């Protein structure tokens, strides 16, 4: 009797592919810069918050 490897139940990946963001320079400086900006007067657009 030999054992056969079990197949994965479902190899299909769900959901959209993740977005990637290329940051130039140090990421700490980029975070400080983005947090120092004021938020929009009318609020954030729907779907981005």
C-alpha atoms as a PDB file:
ATOM      1  CA  UNK A   1       0.000   0.000   0.000  1.00  0.00           C
ATOM      2  CA  UNK A   2       1.515   3.338  -1.052  1.00  0.00           C
ATOM      3  CA  UNK A   3       0.354   6.724   0.022  1.00  0.00           C
ATOM      4  CA  UNK A   4      -0.560   9.256  -2.634  1.00  0.00           C
ATOM      5  CA  UNK A   5      -0.328  12.988  -1.926  1.00  0.00           C
ATOM      6  CA  UNK A   6      -3.686  14.675  -1.423  1.00  0.00           C
ATOM      7  CA  UNK A   7      -4.635  17.415  -3.832  1.00  0.00           C
ATOM      8  CA  UNK A   8      -5.473  20.872  -2.532  1.00  0.00           C
ATOM      9  CA  UNK A   9      -9.219  21.348  -2.191  1.00  0.00           C
ATOM     10  CA  UNK A  10      -9.350  24.528  -4.259  1.00  0.00           C
ATOM     11  CA  UNK A  11      -6.266  26.266  -5.635  1.00  0.00           C
ATOM     12  CA  UNK A  12      -8.284  29.114  -7.168  1.00  0.00           C
ATOM     13  CA  UNK A  13      -7.398  32.429  -5.568  1.00  0.00           C
ATOM     14  CA  UNK A  14     -10.285  34.630  -4.563  1.00  0.00           C
ATOM     15  CA  UNK A  15     -10.554  38.388  -4.763  1.00  0.00           C
ATOM     16  CA  UNK A  16      -8.729  41.022  -6.758  1.00  0.00           C
ATOM     17  CA  UNK A  17      -4.970  41.201  -7.040  1.00  0.00           C
ATOM     18  CA  UNK A  18      -3.443  43.492  -4.399  1.00  0.00           C
ATOM     19  CA  UNK A  19      -2.288  46.919  -5.497  1.00  0.00           C
ATOM     20  CA  UNK A  20       1.394  47.683  -5.156  1.00  0.00           C
ATOM     21  CA  UNK A  21       2.828  51.085  -4.435  1.00  0.00           C
ATOM     22  CA  UNK A  22       6.400  52.065  -5.204  1.00  0.00           C
ATOM     23  CA  UNK A  23       7.780  54.495  -2.620  1.00  0.00           C
ATOM     24  CA  UNK A  24      10.781  56.633  -3.504  1.00  0.00           C
ATOM     25  CA  UNK A  25      13.177  57.334  -0.648  1.00  0.00           C
ATOM     26  CA  UNK A  26      12.598  56.328   2.960  1.00  0.00           C
ATOM     27  CA  UNK A  27       9.122  55.066   3.756  1.00  0.00           C
ATOM     28  CA  UNK A  28       9.157  56.834   7.128  1.00  0.00           C
ATOM     29  CA  UNK A  29       9.550  60.213   5.385  1.00  0.00           C
ATOM     30  CA  UNK A  30       6.745  59.341   2.949  1.00  0.00           C
ATOM     31  CA  UNK A  31       4.388  58.520   5.842  1.00  0.00           C
ATOM     32  CA  UNK A  32       5.210  61.775   7.648  1.00  0.00           C
ATOM     33  CA  UNK A  33       4.603  63.739   4.446  1.00  0.00           C
ATOM     34  CA  UNK A  34       1.263  62.064   3.736  1.00  0.00           C
ATOM     35  CA  UNK A  35       0.019  62.505   7.311  1.00  0.00           C
ATOM     36  CA  UNK A  36       0.982  66.187   7.343  1.00  0.00           C
ATOM     37  CA  UNK A  37      -1.348  66.953   4.411  1.00  0.00           C
ATOM     38  CA  UNK A  38      -4.800  68.314   5.196  1.00  0.00           C
ATOM     39  CA  UNK A  39      -7.819  66.164   4.402  1.00  0.00           C
ATOM     40  CA  UNK A  40     -10.221  67.384   1.684  1.00  0.00           C
ATOM     41  CA  UNK A  41     -12.703  70.094   2.747  1.00  0.00           C
ATOM     42  CA  UNK A  42     -15.625  68.112   1.291  1.00  0.00           C
ATOM     43  CA  UNK A  43     -14.411  64.875   2.871  1.00  0.00           C
ATOM     44  CA  UNK A  44     -12.983  61.785   1.221  1.00  0.00           C
ATOM     45  CA  UNK A  45     -14.518  60.512  -2.016  1.00  0.00           C
ATOM     46  CA  UNK A  46     -16.797  57.508  -1.572  1.00  0.00           C
ATOM     47  CA  UNK A  47     -14.998  54.180  -1.906  1.00  0.00           C
ATOM     48  CA  UNK A  48     -11.574  55.468  -0.845  1.00  0.00           C
ATOM     49  CA  UNK A  49     -12.045  55.628   2.903  1.00  0.00           C
END
